Amino acid sequence: MVPSCFKWSTIIPVPKKTCISGLNDFRPVALASVAMKCFERLVLAYLKVITGSLLDPFQFAYRSNRSVEDAVNIGLCYILEHLDSTKTYARILFVDFSSAFNTIIPDILHYKLSQLSVPTSICNWITSFLTNREQQVKLGMFTSSTRTLSTGDPQGCVLSPLLFSIYTNDFTSTDSSVKILKLADDTTVIGLIKDCDESAYRREVDRLSLWCRHNNLELSTSKTVEMTVDFKKVPSPLPPLTIQGCTVSSTDSFKFLGTTICKDLKWEKNITTITIKAQQRMYFLHQLKKHNLPKELLCQFYRATIESILCSSITVWFVSATQLDKRRLHRLVKSAERITGTNLPSLQDLYMSRVRKRAEKIVGDPSHPAHCLFSLLPSGRRYRLIKTWTTRHQNSFFPAAIKILNTLL
């Protein structure tokens, strides 16, 4: 059992975006006691040991050697490999849940924990942690009255991310032509369609809708969107997708886990977003230079606030970017060099370094879902190249990573 005084928390509404239009635009972050967080860390370490090998390999959130870039790269790998064949296209469903963490039912979670061989005492402790929680909301100078809740997984707590991953762990694809990628509550369903046969894709979407109803998760049909990737010269119109009686809206581009993906799989829009953000931060670098900040600190500021933006998901888009887009980014680096008075690493060098490090970590982790793509030739000296039939597939992360690794062997 968890003492009631340890479960008490204060909820701070944190805006999800700049323009607030409703209560759903706030993220309710729970501020719990330090003692409770210490207990949570002990249980978290124990749970990771028990459940680590049993979790869905396509859940990329809050796991070692998994990243946002891995999720995007693997999704693109499936799509590009599929589109190398004729009479194919892909439908990508970007699923949005309404207050996913706040709708978890502790009894259902208890059952799913027991199915993963978690000891009964730990299951009971977690159920006690999630039930009869007293909390109040604080906004500025105002504090609400106290309410007691027995539903949901409080956001901001140490255990919350792993518990949500366990809660959604049992929903996986049952068809090889449909891939389901998860990063916490960001779920993406990729239907690899051939010969216009969408039956498997639509069946998996219906399964997702039914699974959500059984597990008290609500699909936000207004925010769930779909994008179609089809490289035919004259794509045929596709029948709309419906979820729970609502037609899913289509989009030409979507910000997928921080990276803007367009239906033509070109990166101009994503790079434009990156360029604007980096240019805004260049102003502060100018100001620091005017105040005679030492070169070392200017370089540190550049790496922390500008280079980090320029390298955002760089392994996903850099090799496929056009020369025009690369020159736009290169000019920003040159401007920063003039301001700092030092030589800064080029984006090409940063890309090569990050691809090599990422590939080496995947090769060293047999549990990684992309580990099977890195197979050694019988000689054991080089990795087997991935067969690609189009330039866009050849310029994606995994074929490029294997080539880079082979040059180092």
Foldseek 3Di string as FASTA:
>chain_A
DDDQQQLEWEWEWQACDDDDDDSLRTDTATDTDPVNLVVLVVLVVVLCVLCVLVFDLLAQAPDPLGDLLLNLQVVVLLQQVLQLDPQKKKKKKWWDWRQQQQAFQLVLLLVLCVVSVDDNVSSVVVQVSQAQRWYWYDDVPDIGDIDTGNGGQHHNGPCSQVSQSSLCRPQAQPDPQWHWHHHRRTIMIMGIDHPLDCPSVLVSLQVVLVVCVVRRIGIPQVPIAMEMADDDPDDDDDDFHDHPRHTHHYDQWDCRSNAIAGSPRARPVRLVVLLVQLVVLVVVLLVVLVVVDALVVSVVSCVVRRVCSVCPSCLFHVLVYDPVSLVSVQVSQVVSCVSSVHHDDRPVVVNLVVLQVSVVSLCVDPSNPCVVLFDADPVNLATDADDHNDPVSCSGRSNVSRVSVNVVD
